[in-house]
Amino acid sequence: MASEFSFSDGSRPINDVLPLHALARGAQAVIERLRQPVHDGDREVLLRLLEIGFLPGEVVRVIAPSTGASKPVAVRIGQATFALRAHEAALIEVRPLRTSLEKTA
């Protein structure tokens, strides 16, 4: 089902949902959902992510991608920048924006 959602700059989400840590530097995406917790600790991480603004519908941009399983990914939501551990970023499922892919292609 194609999304009818579009942003003020005319960009639209594409259909592929990916974990946030899979995006490249400079990529922009809209948060689709947060994954259901698998481990007890994930529940607390998800609550924290929601509290700091990682909400469905928000646009996120990758500032510095993760370079390994133990390396953080730096992302921006609005004017705030966050460093997330790879396992935290894996809990956030995003839909990359078309304009983001066109710029990196």
Foldseek 3Di string as FASTA:
>chain_A
DADPDADPVGWGFDDDKAQQLPDAAFWKWFFQDFADDDDPVVVVLVVVCVVVPLDGGWMKGWHHHAPDQQGWTWIDTDHDIDTHHPVSSRRTITGTIPVRVVVVD
